[in-house]
Amino acid sequence: MKKTISYLYTANDRNSFCTLAKVVHECGTTVTIDPKAMSITVTAEDKQVDGSASDPIRTIGEIIDDSSLNFRITPIDTASMQDTMEKAVERNKALENDLKRSEDMRKHYSELCQKEATANARIRRQVAAIGTLVEAICK
């Protein structure tokens, strides 16, 4: 598995975001642009981030400095992200189990309710029949 380094660039104004978004794709690395959040995520291989002129993180930093762009730069810790994703997967499995259990309980109670409704309907028919007999006898 390749080691990667990721940075999240969040623009503080629309002009900064648009300026960087126009040129960031030329840096030769994986770029994700989110216009709604005015953020750009750059992911580079560890060996690319060496401080040289071809270093995409350095290049983006130079673009931001040279153009006086207004960004909040946040390094993304991939190990923490991996841990968070694993916890999310575990939580998702637990929620799926809870959902299955609740569906089974719903089915069980639905069957009980149907059984009681059928018995209740039978008793009502019997009471109605007895009422008809009593009425016929009393006339």
N, C-alpha and C. Protein backbone atom coordinates (compact mmCIF):
# COMPACT_ATOMS: atom_id res chain seq x y z
N MET A 1 0.83 -1.17 0.00
CA MET A 1 0.00 0.00 0.00
C MET A 1 0.88 1.25 0.00
N LYS A 2 0.60 2.16 -0.89
CA LYS A 2 1.37 3.38 -1.01
C LYS A 2 1.07 4.30 0.16
N LYS A 3 2.12 4.93 0.68
CA LYS A 3 1.92 5.92 1.72
C LYS A 3 1.57 7.23 1.05
N THR A 4 0.58 7.89 1.60
CA THR A 4 0.15 9.16 1.02
C THR A 4 0.11 10.25 2.09
N ILE A 5 0.20 11.47 1.62
CA ILE A 5 0.08 12.65 2.48
C ILE A 5 -1.05 13.48 1.91
N SER A 6 -1.95 13.91 2.78
CA SER A 6 -3.11 14.69 2.33
C SER A 6 -3.19 16.00 3.08
N TYR A 7 -3.63 17.02 2.37
CA TYR A 7 -3.87 18.34 2.96
C TYR A 7 -5.24 18.83 2.51
N LEU A 8 -5.92 19.48 3.43
CA LEU A 8 -7.20 20.09 3.15
C LEU A 8 -7.00 21.60 3.12
N TYR A 9 -7.32 22.19 1.97
CA TYR A 9 -7.22 23.63 1.80
C TYR A 9 -8.65 24.17 1.80
N THR A 10 -9.00 24.94 2.83
CA THR A 10 -10.33 25.52 2.94
C THR A 10 -10.23 27.02 2.73
N ALA A 11 -10.90 27.50 1.68
CA ALA A 11 -10.83 28.92 1.35
C ALA A 11 -11.68 29.74 2.30
N ASN A 12 -11.17 30.92 2.63
CA ASN A 12 -11.93 31.84 3.47
C ASN A 12 -12.76 32.82 2.66
N ASP A 13 -12.55 32.80 1.32
CA ASP A 13 -13.37 33.64 0.45
C ASP A 13 -13.48 32.97 -0.92
N ARG A 14 -14.52 33.30 -1.63
CA ARG A 14 -14.82 32.68 -2.93
C ARG A 14 -13.71 32.95 -3.96
N ASN A 15 -13.14 34.15 -3.97
CA ASN A 15 -12.10 34.49 -4.95
C ASN A 15 -10.87 33.60 -4.77
N SER A 16 -10.46 33.39 -3.52
CA SER A 16 -9.30 32.53 -3.25
C SER A 16 -9.58 31.11 -3.74
N PHE A 17 -10.78 30.62 -3.42
CA PHE A 17 -11.14 29.26 -3.84
C PHE A 17 -11.09 29.12 -5.36
N CYS A 18 -11.73 30.03 -6.07
CA CYS A 18 -11.79 29.95 -7.54
C CYS A 18 -10.41 30.05 -8.16
N THR A 19 -9.55 30.92 -7.62
CA THR A 19 -8.20 31.10 -8.16
C THR A 19 -7.40 29.80 -8.02
N LEU A 20 -7.43 29.19 -6.85
CA LEU A 20 -6.66 27.96 -6.64
C LEU A 20 -7.29 26.79 -7.40
N ALA A 21 -8.60 26.73 -7.46
CA ALA A 21 -9.28 25.62 -8.15
C ALA A 21 -8.94 25.60 -9.64
N LYS A 22 -8.67 26.76 -10.22
CA LYS A 22 -8.33 26.82 -11.65
C LYS A 22 -6.98 26.20 -11.96
N VAL A 23 -6.04 26.25 -11.02
CA VAL A 23 -4.67 25.80 -11.31
C VAL A 23 -4.23 24.56 -10.55
N VAL A 24 -4.95 24.17 -9.53
CA VAL A 24 -4.48 23.07 -8.67
C VAL A 24 -4.42 21.73 -9.42
N HIS A 25 -5.22 21.55 -10.43
CA HIS A 25 -5.22 20.28 -11.16
C HIS A 25 -3.92 20.06 -11.94
N GLU A 26 -3.10 21.09 -12.09
CA GLU A 26 -1.85 20.98 -12.84
C GLU A 26 -0.69 20.49 -11.97
N CYS A 27 -0.94 20.21 -10.71
CA CYS A 27 0.13 19.84 -9.78
C CYS A 27 0.55 18.38 -9.87
N GLY A 28 -0.14 17.58 -10.65
CA GLY A 28 0.26 16.19 -10.85
C GLY A 28 0.00 15.28 -9.67
N THR A 29 -1.10 15.47 -9.00
CA THR A 29 -1.46 14.64 -7.86
C THR A 29 -2.98 14.52 -7.78
N THR A 30 -3.49 13.75 -6.86
CA THR A 30 -4.92 13.57 -6.72
C THR A 30 -5.52 14.79 -6.02
N VAL A 31 -6.54 15.37 -6.68
CA VAL A 31 -7.16 16.58 -6.17
C VAL A 31 -8.66 16.36 -6.11
N THR A 32 -9.27 16.74 -5.00
CA THR A 32 -10.72 16.70 -4.85
C THR A 32 -11.19 18.11 -4.53
N ILE A 33 -12.08 18.61 -5.38
CA ILE A 33 -12.57 19.97 -5.22
C ILE A 33 -14.03 19.92 -4.79
N ASP A 34 -14.34 20.62 -3.70
CA ASP A 34 -15.71 20.69 -3.19
C ASP A 34 -16.16 22.15 -3.19
N PRO A 35 -16.85 22.59 -4.27
CA PRO A 35 -17.25 23.99 -4.37
C PRO A 35 -18.20 24.44 -3.26
N LYS A 36 -19.07 23.55 -2.81
CA LYS A 36 -20.04 23.92 -1.78
C LYS A 36 -19.33 24.28 -0.48
N ALA A 37 -18.32 23.51 -0.10
CA ALA A 37 -17.57 23.78 1.12
C ALA A 37 -16.37 24.70 0.88
N MET A 38 -16.17 25.07 -0.38
CA MET A 38 -15.02 25.89 -0.79
C MET A 38 -13.72 25.27 -0.26
N SER A 39 -13.58 23.96 -0.51
CA SER A 39 -12.39 23.26 -0.03
C SER A 39 -11.78 22.43 -1.15
N ILE A 40 -10.48 22.22 -1.02
CA ILE A 40 -9.72 21.42 -1.98
C ILE A 40 -8.86 20.46 -1.17
N THR A 41 -8.98 19.18 -1.47
CA THR A 41 -8.16 18.18 -0.81
C THR A 41 -7.12 17.69 -1.79
N VAL A 42 -5.86 17.71 -1.38
CA VAL A 42 -4.75 17.27 -2.23
C VAL A 42 -4.11 16.07 -1.56
N THR A 43 -4.00 14.97 -2.31
CA THR A 43 -3.37 13.76 -1.80
C THR A 43 -2.21 13.40 -2.71
N ALA A 44 -1.03 13.33 -2.14
CA ALA A 44 0.18 13.02 -2.91
C ALA A 44 0.87 11.81 -2.30
N GLU A 45 1.61 11.10 -3.13
CA GLU A 45 2.41 9.99 -2.60
C GLU A 45 3.53 10.57 -1.75
N ASP A 46 3.91 9.81 -0.75
CA ASP A 46 4.92 10.24 0.20
C ASP A 46 6.21 10.65 -0.52
N LYS A 47 6.59 9.90 -1.56
CA LYS A 47 7.84 10.17 -2.27
C LYS A 47 7.76 11.46 -3.10
N GLN A 48 6.55 11.93 -3.43
CA GLN A 48 6.40 13.17 -4.18
C GLN A 48 6.64 14.39 -3.31
N VAL A 49 6.36 14.28 -2.03
CA VAL A 49 6.48 15.41 -1.11
C VAL A 49 7.90 15.42 -0.54
N ASP A 50 8.79 16.03 -1.31
CA ASP A 50 10.20 16.05 -0.92
C ASP A 50 10.79 17.45 -0.86
N GLY A 51 9.97 18.47 -1.05
CA GLY A 51 10.46 19.84 -0.98
C GLY A 51 11.07 20.35 -2.27
N SER A 52 11.13 19.50 -3.30
CA SER A 52 11.71 19.92 -4.57
C SER A 52 10.71 20.79 -5.34
N ALA A 53 11.13 21.25 -6.50
CA ALA A 53 10.27 22.10 -7.33
C ALA A 53 9.06 21.32 -7.84
N SER A 54 9.16 19.99 -7.92
CA SER A 54 8.03 19.18 -8.41
C SER A 54 7.11 18.71 -7.28
N ASP A 55 7.43 19.08 -6.06
CA ASP A 55 6.61 18.73 -4.89
C ASP A 55 5.26 19.45 -5.01
N PRO A 56 4.13 18.68 -5.13
CA PRO A 56 2.83 19.32 -5.33
C PRO A 56 2.38 20.17 -4.14
N ILE A 57 2.71 19.77 -2.93
CA ILE A 57 2.31 20.54 -1.75
C ILE A 57 3.06 21.88 -1.73
N ARG A 58 4.35 21.81 -2.05
CA ARG A 58 5.14 23.06 -2.12
C ARG A 58 4.61 23.97 -3.22
N THR A 59 4.30 23.38 -4.38
CA THR A 59 3.79 24.16 -5.50
C THR A 59 2.49 24.88 -5.13
N ILE A 60 1.58 24.17 -4.48
CA ILE A 60 0.31 24.77 -4.06
C ILE A 60 0.56 25.88 -3.03
N GLY A 61 1.49 25.65 -2.12
CA GLY A 61 1.84 26.68 -1.14
C GLY A 61 2.38 27.94 -1.81
N GLU A 62 3.22 27.74 -2.84
CA GLU A 62 3.75 28.89 -3.57
C GLU A 62 2.65 29.64 -4.31
N ILE A 63 1.70 28.90 -4.88
CA ILE A 63 0.58 29.54 -5.58
C ILE A 63 -0.23 30.38 -4.59
N ILE A 64 -0.49 29.82 -3.42
CA ILE A 64 -1.26 30.54 -2.40
C ILE A 64 -0.51 31.80 -1.95
N ASP A 65 0.82 31.67 -1.72
CA ASP A 65 1.61 32.82 -1.28
C ASP A 65 1.74 33.88 -2.37
N ASP A 66 2.08 33.45 -3.59
CA ASP A 66 2.29 34.39 -4.69
C ASP A 66 1.02 35.16 -5.04
N SER A 67 -0.14 34.51 -4.94
CA SER A 67 -1.41 35.16 -5.30
C SER A 67 -2.10 35.78 -4.09
N SER A 68 -1.47 35.70 -2.93
CA SER A 68 -2.04 36.23 -1.67
C SER A 68 -3.45 35.69 -1.44
N LEU A 69 -3.59 34.38 -1.57
CA LEU A 69 -4.89 33.74 -1.37
C LEU A 69 -5.11 33.49 0.12
N ASN A 70 -6.36 33.43 0.50
CA ASN A 70 -6.74 33.30 1.90
C ASN A 70 -7.27 31.89 2.16
N PHE A 71 -6.41 31.01 2.68
CA PHE A 71 -6.77 29.62 2.92
C PHE A 71 -6.42 29.19 4.33
N ARG A 72 -7.17 28.24 4.85
CA ARG A 72 -6.86 27.54 6.09
C ARG A 72 -6.36 26.17 5.64
N ILE A 73 -5.12 25.84 5.99
CA ILE A 73 -4.50 24.60 5.52
C ILE A 73 -4.44 23.61 6.68
N THR A 74 -4.99 22.41 6.45
CA THR A 74 -5.05 21.41 7.51
C THR A 74 -4.46 20.10 7.00
N PRO A 75 -3.39 19.61 7.63
CA PRO A 75 -2.89 18.28 7.25
C PRO A 75 -3.88 17.21 7.70
N ILE A 76 -4.06 16.22 6.88
CA ILE A 76 -5.00 15.14 7.19
C ILE A 76 -4.20 13.92 7.60
N ASP A 77 -4.44 13.44 8.80
CA ASP A 77 -3.75 12.28 9.33
C ASP A 77 -4.47 11.02 8.85
N THR A 78 -3.86 10.31 7.90
CA THR A 78 -4.53 9.15 7.31
C THR A 78 -4.68 8.01 8.31
N ALA A 79 -3.78 7.90 9.28
CA ALA A 79 -3.91 6.84 10.29
C ALA A 79 -5.15 7.08 11.14
N SER A 80 -5.38 8.34 11.52
CA SER A 80 -6.58 8.66 12.29
C SER A 80 -7.83 8.43 11.47
N MET A 81 -7.74 8.78 10.18
CA MET A 81 -8.89 8.55 9.31
C MET A 81 -9.20 7.07 9.20
N GLN A 82 -8.16 6.24 9.10
CA GLN A 82 -8.34 4.79 9.00
C GLN A 82 -9.01 4.26 10.27
N ASP A 83 -8.54 4.72 11.43
CA ASP A 83 -9.15 4.31 12.70
C ASP A 83 -10.61 4.73 12.76
N THR A 84 -10.87 5.96 12.35
CA THR A 84 -12.24 6.48 12.35
C THR A 84 -13.12 5.66 11.42
N MET A 85 -12.60 5.32 10.25
CA MET A 85 -13.37 4.52 9.30
C MET A 85 -13.66 3.13 9.86
N GLU A 86 -12.67 2.52 10.52
CA GLU A 86 -12.88 1.20 11.12
C GLU A 86 -13.95 1.26 12.20
N LYS A 87 -13.92 2.31 13.02
CA LYS A 87 -14.93 2.48 14.06
C LYS A 87 -16.31 2.69 13.44
N ALA A 88 -16.34 3.43 12.34
CA ALA A 88 -17.62 3.67 11.66
C ALA A 88 -18.18 2.37 11.08
N VAL A 89 -17.30 1.53 10.54
CA VAL A 89 -17.75 0.25 10.00
C VAL A 89 -18.29 -0.64 11.12
N GLU A 90 -17.59 -0.67 12.26
CA GLU A 90 -18.06 -1.45 13.41
C GLU A 90 -19.42 -0.94 13.89
N ARG A 91 -19.56 0.37 13.97
CA ARG A 91 -20.83 0.96 14.42
C ARG A 91 -21.94 0.64 13.43
N ASN A 92 -21.61 0.67 12.15
CA ASN A 92 -22.59 0.35 11.12
C ASN A 92 -23.06 -1.10 11.26
N LYS A 93 -22.14 -2.02 11.54
CA LYS A 93 -22.51 -3.42 11.74
C LYS A 93 -23.42 -3.56 12.96
N ALA A 94 -23.09 -2.86 14.04
CA ALA A 94 -23.92 -2.91 15.24
C ALA A 94 -25.32 -2.38 14.95
N LEU A 95 -25.39 -1.28 14.19
CA LEU A 95 -26.70 -0.72 13.82
C LEU A 95 -27.49 -1.67 12.93
N GLU A 96 -26.80 -2.35 12.02
CA GLU A 96 -27.48 -3.33 11.16
C GLU A 96 -28.04 -4.47 12.00
N ASN A 97 -27.28 -4.92 13.00
CA ASN A 97 -27.76 -5.98 13.90
C ASN A 97 -28.98 -5.50 14.69
N ASP A 98 -28.91 -4.27 15.18
CA ASP A 98 -30.05 -3.70 15.91
C ASP A 98 -31.28 -3.60 15.02
N LEU A 99 -31.08 -3.20 13.78
CA LEU A 99 -32.19 -3.10 12.83
C LEU A 99 -32.80 -4.47 12.57
N LYS A 100 -31.97 -5.48 12.38
CA LYS A 100 -32.46 -6.84 12.14
C LYS A 100 -33.27 -7.32 13.35
N ARG A 101 -32.72 -7.08 14.55
CA ARG A 101 -33.42 -7.50 15.76
C ARG A 101 -34.77 -6.78 15.89
N SER A 102 -34.80 -5.49 15.59
CA SER A 102 -36.05 -4.75 15.70
C SER A 102 -37.06 -5.19 14.63
N GLU A 103 -36.57 -5.55 13.45
CA GLU A 103 -37.48 -6.07 12.41
C GLU A 103 -38.07 -7.41 12.84
N ASP A 104 -37.24 -8.26 13.47
CA ASP A 104 -37.74 -9.54 13.97
C ASP A 104 -38.78 -9.32 15.07
N MET A 105 -38.53 -8.37 15.97
CA MET A 105 -39.49 -8.07 17.03
C MET A 105 -40.79 -7.51 16.45
N ARG A 106 -40.67 -6.64 15.44
CA ARG A 106 -41.86 -6.08 14.79
C ARG A 106 -42.69 -7.20 14.17
N LYS A 107 -42.03 -8.15 13.51
CA LYS A 107 -42.74 -9.27 12.89
C LYS A 107 -43.44 -10.10 13.97
N HIS A 108 -42.74 -10.36 15.07
CA HIS A 108 -43.30 -11.16 16.16
C HIS A 108 -44.54 -10.48 16.74
N TYR A 109 -44.44 -9.18 17.05
CA TYR A 109 -45.57 -8.46 17.63
C TYR A 109 -46.70 -8.29 16.63
N SER A 110 -46.38 -8.19 15.36
CA SER A 110 -47.41 -8.11 14.33
C SER A 110 -48.21 -9.42 14.28
N GLU A 111 -47.50 -10.54 14.38
CA GLU A 111 -48.17 -11.84 14.39
C GLU A 111 -49.05 -11.98 15.63
N LEU A 112 -48.55 -11.56 16.81
CA LEU A 112 -49.35 -11.62 18.03
C LEU A 112 -50.60 -10.75 17.91
N CYS A 113 -50.44 -9.55 17.37
CA CYS A 113 -51.56 -8.64 17.20
C CYS A 113 -52.60 -9.24 16.25
N GLN A 114 -52.14 -9.82 15.17
CA GLN A 114 -53.06 -10.44 14.20
C GLN A 114 -53.80 -11.61 14.83
N LYS A 115 -53.08 -12.41 15.62
CA LYS A 115 -53.69 -13.56 16.30
C LYS A 115 -54.77 -13.09 17.27
N GLU A 116 -54.46 -12.04 18.07
CA GLU A 116 -55.44 -11.51 19.02
C GLU A 116 -56.62 -10.88 18.30
N ALA A 117 -56.38 -10.19 17.20
CA ALA A 117 -57.47 -9.57 16.43
C ALA A 117 -58.40 -10.64 15.87
N THR A 118 -57.84 -11.74 15.41
CA THR A 118 -58.65 -12.85 14.89
C THR A 118 -59.50 -13.46 16.01
N ALA A 119 -58.87 -13.67 17.17
CA ALA A 119 -59.62 -14.23 18.32
C ALA A 119 -60.71 -13.26 18.76
N ASN A 120 -60.41 -11.98 18.79
CA ASN A 120 -61.38 -10.97 19.18
C ASN A 120 -62.56 -10.94 18.20
N ALA A 121 -62.26 -11.04 16.93
CA ALA A 121 -63.33 -11.06 15.91
C ALA A 121 -64.21 -12.30 16.08
N ARG A 122 -63.60 -13.44 16.38
CA ARG A 122 -64.36 -14.68 16.59
C ARG A 122 -65.30 -14.54 17.79
N ILE A 123 -64.79 -13.95 18.88
CA ILE A 123 -65.63 -13.75 20.08
C ILE A 123 -66.78 -12.80 19.77
N ARG A 124 -66.51 -11.74 19.01
CA ARG A 124 -67.59 -10.80 18.64
C ARG A 124 -68.68 -11.51 17.82
N ARG A 125 -68.24 -12.38 16.89
CA ARG A 125 -69.22 -13.12 16.08
C ARG A 125 -70.04 -14.06 16.97
N GLN A 126 -69.38 -14.70 17.94
CA GLN A 126 -70.09 -15.60 18.85
C GLN A 126 -71.10 -14.82 19.71
N VAL A 127 -70.68 -13.65 20.23
CA VAL A 127 -71.60 -12.83 21.03
C VAL A 127 -72.77 -12.39 20.18
N ALA A 128 -72.52 -12.00 18.94
CA ALA A 128 -73.60 -11.57 18.04
C ALA A 128 -74.55 -12.74 17.77
N ALA A 129 -73.99 -13.95 17.60
CA ALA A 129 -74.83 -15.12 17.35
C ALA A 129 -75.67 -15.44 18.59
N ILE A 130 -75.08 -15.36 19.76
CA ILE A 130 -75.83 -15.61 21.00
C ILE A 130 -76.93 -14.56 21.15
N GLY A 131 -76.60 -13.29 20.84
CA GLY A 131 -77.60 -12.23 20.90
C GLY A 131 -78.75 -12.50 19.97
N THR A 132 -78.48 -13.01 18.78
CA THR A 132 -79.53 -13.35 17.82
C THR A 132 -80.39 -14.48 18.37
N LEU A 133 -79.77 -15.51 18.96
CA LEU A 133 -80.52 -16.61 19.55
C LEU A 133 -81.41 -16.13 20.69
N VAL A 134 -80.86 -15.29 21.59
CA VAL A 134 -81.63 -14.79 22.73
C VAL A 134 -82.81 -13.96 22.21
N GLU A 135 -82.57 -13.15 21.20
CA GLU A 135 -83.64 -12.32 20.65
C GLU A 135 -84.73 -13.17 20.03
N ALA A 136 -84.32 -14.27 19.34
CA ALA A 136 -85.30 -15.16 18.72
C ALA A 136 -86.12 -15.89 19.77
N ILE A 137 -85.46 -16.28 20.87
CA ILE A 137 -86.17 -17.02 21.94
C ILE A 137 -87.16 -16.08 22.64
N CYS A 138 -86.77 -14.85 22.88
CA CYS A 138 -87.62 -13.90 23.62
C CYS A 138 -88.82 -13.45 22.81
N LYS A 139 -88.89 -13.57 21.54
CA LYS A 139 -90.03 -13.09 20.75
C LYS A 139 -91.13 -14.07 20.78
